[in-house]
PDB file of N, CA and C in Angstrom:
ATOM      1  N   MET A   1      -6.039  13.797  23.334  1.00  0.00           N
ATOM      2  CA  MET A   1      -6.834  13.342  22.417  1.00  0.00           C
ATOM      3  C   MET A   1      -7.370  11.978  22.594  1.00  0.00           C
ATOM      4  N   GLN A   2      -8.506  11.753  22.183  1.00  0.00           N
ATOM      5  CA  GLN A   2      -9.287  10.477  22.150  1.00  0.00           C
ATOM      6  C   GLN A   2      -9.988  10.097  20.943  1.00  0.00           C
ATOM      7  N   SER A   3     -10.268   8.856  20.757  1.00  0.00           N
ATOM      8  CA  SER A   3     -10.898   8.161  19.473  1.00  0.00           C
ATOM      9  C   SER A   3     -11.645   7.076  19.824  1.00  0.00           C
ATOM     10  N   THR A   4     -12.856   6.852  19.505  1.00  0.00           N
ATOM     11  CA  THR A   4     -13.527   5.798  19.787  1.00  0.00           C
ATOM     12  C   THR A   4     -13.355   4.594  18.876  1.00  0.00           C
ATOM     13  N   MET A   5     -13.157   3.377  19.447  1.00  0.00           N
ATOM     14  CA  MET A   5     -12.813   2.329  18.668  1.00  0.00           C
ATOM     15  C   MET A   5     -14.223   1.783  18.004  1.00  0.00           C
ATOM     16  N   THR A   6     -14.367   1.206  16.820  1.00  0.00           N
ATOM     17  CA  THR A   6     -15.560   0.573  16.279  1.00  0.00           C
ATOM     18  C   THR A   6     -15.639  -0.777  16.839  1.00  0.00           C
ATOM     19  N   VAL A   7     -16.767  -1.495  16.410  1.00  0.00           N
ATOM     20  CA  VAL A   7     -16.813  -2.940  16.886  1.00  0.00           C
ATOM     21  C   VAL A   7     -15.976  -3.771  15.882  1.00  0.00           C
ATOM     22  N   LYS A   8     -15.368  -3.292  14.609  1.00  0.00           N
ATOM     23  CA  LYS A   8     -14.613  -3.778  13.912  1.00  0.00           C
ATOM     24  C   LYS A   8     -13.192  -3.631  14.395  1.00  0.00           C
ATOM     25  N   GLY A   9     -12.846  -2.721  15.425  1.00  0.00           N
ATOM     26  CA  GLY A   9     -11.637  -2.629  16.019  1.00  0.00           C
ATOM     27  C   GLY A   9     -10.636  -1.346  15.375  1.00  0.00           C
ATOM     28  N   GLN A  10     -11.737  -0.689  14.537  1.00  0.00           N
ATOM     29  CA  GLN A  10     -10.851   0.435  13.836  1.00  0.00           C
ATOM     30  C   GLN A  10     -11.144   1.709  14.767  1.00  0.00           C
ATOM     31  N   VAL A  11     -10.113   2.583  14.563  1.00  0.00           N
ATOM     32  CA  VAL A  11     -10.121   3.961  15.202  1.00  0.00           C
ATOM     33  C   VAL A  11      -9.758   5.066  14.109  1.00  0.00           C
ATOM     34  N   THR A  12     -10.124   6.253  14.309  1.00  0.00           N
ATOM     35  CA  THR A  12      -9.851   7.292  13.413  1.00  0.00           C
ATOM     36  C   THR A  12      -8.664   7.997  14.176  1.00  0.00           C
ATOM     37  N   ILE A  13      -7.462   8.143  13.282  1.00  0.00           N
ATOM     38  CA  ILE A  13      -6.435   8.886  13.817  1.00  0.00           C
ATOM     39  C   ILE A  13      -6.785  10.242  13.577  1.00  0.00           C
ATOM     40  N   PRO A  14      -6.780  11.102  14.913  1.00  0.00           N
ATOM     41  CA  PRO A  14      -6.913  12.481  14.738  1.00  0.00           C
ATOM     42  C   PRO A  14      -6.151  13.243  13.645  1.00  0.00           C
ATOM     43  N   LYS A  15      -6.781  14.355  13.222  1.00  0.00           N
ATOM     44  CA  LYS A  15      -6.297  15.193  12.030  1.00  0.00           C
ATOM     45  C   LYS A  15      -4.797  15.645  12.528  1.00  0.00           C
ATOM     46  N   SER A  16      -4.743  16.334  13.717  1.00  0.00           N
ATOM     47  CA  SER A  16      -3.520  16.598  14.033  1.00  0.00           C
ATOM     48  C   SER A  16      -2.454  15.855  14.162  1.00  0.00           C
ATOM     49  N   VAL A  17      -2.664  14.580  14.624  1.00  0.00           N
ATOM     50  CA  VAL A  17      -1.751  13.573  14.586  1.00  0.00           C
ATOM     51  C   VAL A  17      -1.353  13.075  13.100  1.00  0.00           C
ATOM     52  N   ARG A  18      -2.383  13.069  12.241  1.00  0.00           N
ATOM     53  CA  ARG A  18      -1.995  12.754  10.954  1.00  0.00           C
ATOM     54  C   ARG A  18      -1.179  13.486  10.229  1.00  0.00           C
ATOM     55  N   ASP A  19      -1.361  14.938  10.467  1.00  0.00           N
ATOM     56  CA  ASP A  19      -0.560  16.066   9.909  1.00  0.00           C
ATOM     57  C   ASP A  19       0.767  15.910  10.651  1.00  0.00           C
ATOM     58  N   LEU A  20       0.956  15.677  11.823  1.00  0.00           N
ATOM     59  CA  LEU A  20       2.061  15.671  12.419  1.00  0.00           C
ATOM     60  C   LEU A  20       3.093  14.506  12.006  1.00  0.00           C
ATOM     61  N   LEU A  21       2.495  13.339  11.678  1.00  0.00           N
ATOM     62  CA  LEU A  21       3.297  12.220  11.159  1.00  0.00           C
ATOM     63  C   LEU A  21       3.311  12.231   9.623  1.00  0.00           C
ATOM     64  N   GLY A  22       2.683  13.111   8.927  1.00  0.00           N
ATOM     65  CA  GLY A  22       2.588  13.212   7.581  1.00  0.00           C
ATOM     66  C   GLY A  22       1.929  11.985   6.849  1.00  0.00           C
ATOM     67  N   LEU A  23       0.755  11.721   7.445  1.00  0.00           N
ATOM     68  CA  LEU A  23      -0.034  10.446   6.896  1.00  0.00           C
ATOM     69  C   LEU A  23      -0.863  10.894   5.737  1.00  0.00           C
ATOM     70  N   GLN A  24      -0.946  10.102   4.686  1.00  0.00           N
ATOM     71  CA  GLN A  24      -1.691  10.369   3.684  1.00  0.00           C
ATOM     72  C   GLN A  24      -2.678   8.904   3.476  1.00  0.00           C
ATOM     73  N   PRO A  25      -3.714   9.027   2.871  1.00  0.00           N
ATOM     74  CA  PRO A  25      -4.567   7.847   2.683  1.00  0.00           C
ATOM     75  C   PRO A  25      -3.704   6.564   1.957  1.00  0.00           C
ATOM     76  N   GLY A  26      -3.672   5.489   2.417  1.00  0.00           N
ATOM     77  CA  GLY A  26      -2.923   4.538   1.824  1.00  0.00           C
ATOM     78  C   GLY A  26      -1.606   4.217   2.571  1.00  0.00           C
ATOM     79  N   ASN A  27      -1.332   5.084   3.290  1.00  0.00           N
ATOM     80  CA  ASN A  27       0.055   4.847   4.138  1.00  0.00           C
ATOM     81  C   ASN A  27      -0.012   3.764   5.021  1.00  0.00           C
ATOM     82  N   LEU A  28       1.008   3.129   5.329  1.00  0.00           N
ATOM     83  CA  LEU A  28       1.051   2.004   6.400  1.00  0.00           C
ATOM     84  C   LEU A  28       1.314   3.030   7.883  1.00  0.00           C
ATOM     85  N   VAL A  29       0.815   2.365   8.891  1.00  0.00           N
ATOM     86  CA  VAL A  29       0.971   2.852  10.261  1.00  0.00           C
ATOM     87  C   VAL A  29       1.474   1.927  10.976  1.00  0.00           C
ATOM     88  N   ALA A  30       2.548   2.018  11.951  1.00  0.00           N
ATOM     89  CA  ALA A  30       3.182   1.063  12.658  1.00  0.00           C
ATOM     90  C   ALA A  30       2.788   1.387  14.175  1.00  0.00           C
ATOM     91  N   PHE A  31       2.584   0.413  15.030  1.00  0.00           N
ATOM     92  CA  PHE A  31       2.169   0.511  16.366  1.00  0.00           C
ATOM     93  C   PHE A  31       3.332  -0.272  17.040  1.00  0.00           C
ATOM     94  N   GLU A  32       4.105   0.517  18.059  1.00  0.00           N
ATOM     95  CA  GLU A  32       5.174  -0.300  18.768  1.00  0.00           C
ATOM     96  C   GLU A  32       5.191   0.077  20.198  1.00  0.00           C
ATOM     97  N   ARG A  33       5.617  -1.031  20.886  1.00  0.00           N
ATOM     98  CA  ARG A  33       5.645  -0.811  22.443  1.00  0.00           C
ATOM     99  C   ARG A  33       7.062  -0.126  22.760  1.00  0.00           C
ATOM    100  N   ASN A  34       7.221   0.618  23.556  1.00  0.00           N
ATOM    101  CA  ASN A  34       8.528   1.273  23.930  1.00  0.00           C
ATOM    102  C   ASN A  34       8.861   0.713  25.329  1.00  0.00           C
ATOM    103  N   ALA A  35       9.992   0.986  25.734  1.00  0.00           N
ATOM    104  CA  ALA A  35      10.490   0.352  27.004  1.00  0.00           C
ATOM    105  C   ALA A  35       9.641   0.738  28.179  1.00  0.00           C
ATOM    106  N   GLN A  36       8.909   1.700  28.121  1.00  0.00           N
ATOM    107  CA  GLN A  36       8.091   2.105  29.257  1.00  0.00           C
ATOM    108  C   GLN A  36       6.608   1.232  29.219  1.00  0.00           C
ATOM    109  N   GLY A  37       6.518   0.514  28.088  1.00  0.00           N
ATOM    110  CA  GLY A  37       5.194  -0.249  27.883  1.00  0.00           C
ATOM    111  C   GLY A  37       4.171   0.586  27.145  1.00  0.00           C
ATOM    112  N   GLU A  38       4.575   1.640  26.740  1.00  0.00           N
ATOM    113  CA  GLU A  38       3.428   2.655  26.041  1.00  0.00           C
ATOM    114  C   GLU A  38       3.590   2.246  24.395  1.00  0.00           C
ATOM    115  N   ILE A  39       2.435   2.370  23.915  1.00  0.00           N
ATOM    116  CA  ILE A  39       2.133   2.105  22.554  1.00  0.00           C
ATOM    117  C   ILE A  39       2.661   3.452  21.613  1.00  0.00           C
ATOM    118  N   VAL A  40       3.391   3.364  20.697  1.00  0.00           N
ATOM    119  CA  VAL A  40       3.831   4.360  20.013  1.00  0.00           C
ATOM    120  C   VAL A  40       3.349   4.412  18.735  1.00  0.00           C
ATOM    121  N   VAL A  41       2.834   5.180  18.022  1.00  0.00           N
ATOM    122  CA  VAL A  41       2.181   5.328  16.559  1.00  0.00           C
ATOM    123  C   VAL A  41       3.284   6.015  15.776  1.00  0.00           C
ATOM    124  N   ARG A  42       3.724   5.288  14.508  1.00  0.00           N
ATOM    125  CA  ARG A  42       4.403   6.118  13.735  1.00  0.00           C
ATOM    126  C   ARG A  42       4.195   5.572  12.290  1.00  0.00           C
ATOM    127  N   LYS A  43       4.579   6.482  11.267  1.00  0.00           N
ATOM    128  CA  LYS A  43       4.490   6.074   9.784  1.00  0.00           C
ATOM    129  C   LYS A  43       5.339   5.005   9.498  1.00  0.00           C
ATOM    130  N   ALA A  44       4.998   3.986   9.183  1.00  0.00           N
ATOM    131  CA  ALA A  44       5.625   2.958   8.578  1.00  0.00           C
ATOM    132  C   ALA A  44       6.435   3.060   7.147  1.00  0.00           C
ATOM    133  N   ALA A  45       7.429   2.587   6.922  1.00  0.00           N
ATOM    134  CA  ALA A  45       8.136   2.518   5.619  1.00  0.00           C
ATOM    135  C   ALA A  45       7.294   1.451   4.917  1.00  0.00           C
ATOM    136  N   GLY A  46       6.912   1.955   3.752  1.00  0.00           N
ATOM    137  CA  GLY A  46       6.158   0.731   2.883  1.00  0.00           C
ATOM    138  C   GLY A  46       6.406   0.934   1.466  1.00  0.00           C
ATOM    139  N   PRO A  47       5.902   0.195   0.680  1.00  0.00           N
ATOM    140  CA  PRO A  47       5.981   0.330  -0.782  1.00  0.00           C
ATOM    141  C   PRO A  47       5.444   1.697  -1.188  1.00  0.00           C
ATOM    142  N   THR A  48       6.356   2.396  -1.963  1.00  0.00           N
ATOM    143  CA  THR A  48       6.051   3.703  -2.693  1.00  0.00           C
ATOM    144  C   THR A  48       5.234   3.553  -3.859  1.00  0.00           C
ATOM    145  N   GLU A  49       5.105   2.354  -4.441  1.00  0.00           N
ATOM    146  CA  GLU A  49       4.466   2.174  -5.692  1.00  0.00           C
ATOM    147  C   GLU A  49       3.518   1.106  -5.419  1.00  0.00           C
ATOM    148  N   SER A  50       2.739   0.828  -6.321  1.00  0.00           N
ATOM    149  CA  SER A  50       1.746  -0.312  -6.332  1.00  0.00           C
ATOM    150  C   SER A  50       2.474  -1.755  -6.305  1.00  0.00           C
ATOM    151  N   ARG A  51       1.815  -2.583  -5.877  1.00  0.00           N
ATOM    152  CA  ARG A  51       2.513  -3.835  -5.977  1.00  0.00           C
ATOM    153  C   ARG A  51       2.634  -4.577  -7.326  1.00  0.00           C
ATOM    154  N   PHE A  52       1.976  -3.967  -8.367  1.00  0.00           N
ATOM    155  CA  PHE A  52       2.118  -4.358  -9.675  1.00  0.00           C
ATOM    156  C   PHE A  52       2.925  -3.626 -10.598  1.00  0.00           C
ATOM    157  N   ALA A  53       3.394  -2.457 -10.012  1.00  0.00           N
ATOM    158  CA  ALA A  53       4.188  -1.249 -10.677  1.00  0.00           C
ATOM    159  C   ALA A  53       5.420  -1.962 -11.230  1.00  0.00           C
ATOM    160  N   ARG A  54       6.068  -2.908 -10.497  1.00  0.00           N
ATOM    161  CA  ARG A  54       7.263  -3.339 -10.781  1.00  0.00           C
ATOM    162  C   ARG A  54       7.316  -4.388 -11.967  1.00  0.00           C
ATOM    163  N   PHE A  55       6.214  -4.838 -12.304  1.00  0.00           N
ATOM    164  CA  PHE A  55       5.902  -5.796 -13.408  1.00  0.00           C
ATOM    165  C   PHE A  55       5.485  -5.042 -14.826  1.00  0.00           C
ATOM    166  N   ARG A  56       5.287  -3.851 -14.696  1.00  0.00           N
ATOM    167  CA  ARG A  56       5.036  -3.058 -15.929  1.00  0.00           C
ATOM    168  C   ARG A  56       6.120  -3.078 -16.831  1.00  0.00           C
ATOM    169  N   GLY A  57       5.955  -3.171 -18.142  1.00  0.00           N
ATOM    170  CA  GLY A  57       7.099  -2.971 -19.180  1.00  0.00           C
ATOM    171  C   GLY A  57       7.918  -4.153 -19.241  1.00  0.00           C
ATOM    172  N   HIS A  58       7.741  -5.152 -18.458  1.00  0.00           N
ATOM    173  CA  HIS A  58       8.740  -6.235 -18.604  1.00  0.00           C
ATOM    174  C   HIS A  58       8.565  -7.191 -19.907  1.00  0.00           C
ATOM    175  N   ALA A  59       7.411  -7.069 -20.486  1.00  0.00           N
ATOM    176  CA  ALA A  59       7.163  -8.125 -21.706  1.00  0.00           C
ATOM    177  C   ALA A  59       7.580  -7.568 -22.973  1.00  0.00           C
ATOM    178  N   GLY A  60       8.054  -6.539 -22.938  1.00  0.00           N
ATOM    179  CA  GLY A  60       8.598  -6.002 -24.507  1.00  0.00           C
ATOM    180  C   GLY A  60       7.318  -5.618 -25.219  1.00  0.00           C
ATOM    181  N   PRO A  61       7.700  -5.390 -26.585  1.00  0.00           N
ATOM    182  CA  PRO A  61       6.730  -4.928 -27.181  1.00  0.00           C
ATOM    183  C   PRO A  61       5.555  -5.958 -27.540  1.00  0.00           C
ATOM    184  N   GLY A  62       5.854  -7.266 -27.669  1.00  0.00           N
ATOM    185  CA  GLY A  62       4.840  -8.131 -27.816  1.00  0.00           C
ATOM    186  C   GLY A  62       4.729  -8.585 -29.276  1.00  0.00           C
ATOM    187  N   MET A  63       3.663  -9.673 -29.448  1.00  0.00           N
ATOM    188  CA  MET A  63       3.325  -9.963 -30.876  1.00  0.00           C
ATOM    189  C   MET A  63       2.165  -9.128 -31.234  1.00  0.00           C
ATOM    190  N   THR A  64       1.976  -8.971 -32.516  1.00  0.00           N
ATOM    191  CA  THR A  64       0.868  -8.585 -33.062  1.00  0.00           C
ATOM    192  C   THR A  64      -0.277  -9.332 -33.156  1.00  0.00           C
ATOM    193  N   THR A  65      -1.404  -8.973 -33.238  1.00  0.00           N
ATOM    194  CA  THR A  65      -2.593  -9.818 -33.197  1.00  0.00           C
ATOM    195  C   THR A  65      -2.489 -10.989 -34.296  1.00  0.00           C
ATOM    196  N   ASP A  66      -2.131 -10.589 -35.389  1.00  0.00           N
ATOM    197  CA  ASP A  66      -2.008 -11.602 -36.508  1.00  0.00           C
ATOM    198  C   ASP A  66      -0.758 -12.599 -36.166  1.00  0.00           C
ATOM    199  N   GLU A  67       0.123 -12.201 -35.484  1.00  0.00           N
ATOM    200  CA  GLU A  67       1.226 -12.962 -35.100  1.00  0.00           C
ATOM    201  C   GLU A  67       0.657 -14.203 -34.069  1.00  0.00           C
ATOM    202  N   VAL A  68      -0.090 -13.657 -33.096  1.00  0.00           N
ATOM    203  CA  VAL A  68      -0.614 -14.413 -32.070  1.00  0.00           C
ATOM    204  C   VAL A  68      -1.538 -15.394 -32.963  1.00  0.00           C
ATOM    205  N   MET A  69      -2.489 -15.019 -33.883  1.00  0.00           N
ATOM    206  CA  MET A  69      -3.441 -15.907 -34.362  1.00  0.00           C
ATOM    207  C   MET A  69      -2.686 -16.880 -35.049  1.00  0.00           C
ATOM    208  N   ALA A  70      -1.594 -16.452 -35.834  1.00  0.00           N
ATOM    209  CA  ALA A  70      -0.859 -17.533 -36.638  1.00  0.00           C
ATOM    210  C   ALA A  70      -0.249 -18.518 -35.591  1.00  0.00           C
ATOM    211  N   LEU A  71       0.230 -18.326 -34.504  1.00  0.00           N
ATOM    212  CA  LEU A  71       0.751 -19.101 -33.467  1.00  0.00           C
ATOM    213  C   LEU A  71      -0.170 -20.094 -33.103  1.00  0.00           C
ATOM    214  N   THR A  72      -1.472 -19.480 -32.728  1.00  0.00           N
ATOM    215  CA  THR A  72      -2.307 -20.367 -32.268  1.00  0.00           C
ATOM    216  C   THR A  72      -2.965 -21.555 -33.218  1.00  0.00           C
ATOM    217  N   ARG A  73      -2.789 -21.151 -34.549  1.00  0.00           N
ATOM    218  CA  ARG A  73      -3.300 -21.863 -35.694  1.00  0.00           C
ATOM    219  C   ARG A  73      -2.217 -22.810 -36.142  1.00  0.00           C
ATOM    220  N   GLY A  74      -1.192 -22.717 -35.605  1.00  0.00           N
ATOM    221  CA  GLY A  74       0.119 -23.421 -35.942  1.00  0.00           C
ATOM    222  C   GLY A  74       0.613 -23.157 -37.286  1.00  0.00           C
ATOM    223  N   GLU A  75       0.433 -21.749 -37.781  1.00  0.00           N
ATOM    224  CA  GLU A  75       1.014 -21.706 -39.105  1.00  0.00           C
ATOM    225  C   GLU A  75       2.458 -21.052 -38.886  1.00  0.00           C
TER     226      GLU A  75
END
């Protein structure tokens, strides 16, 4: 299999390779050099959720609009 590199250094991973590795859009791909000097492509372990997901729900129920307005007015 072959793929042409763009001027930006990007290549398309052939569909058969994506299928074999189980790659989906957004997956991380690792390039490693083995003992024979060959470059090996593998699916990299990466975050399974968005980088913001761990912060969701940590603030609690929060204040009502009236409470926020009273706080900002010094009441």
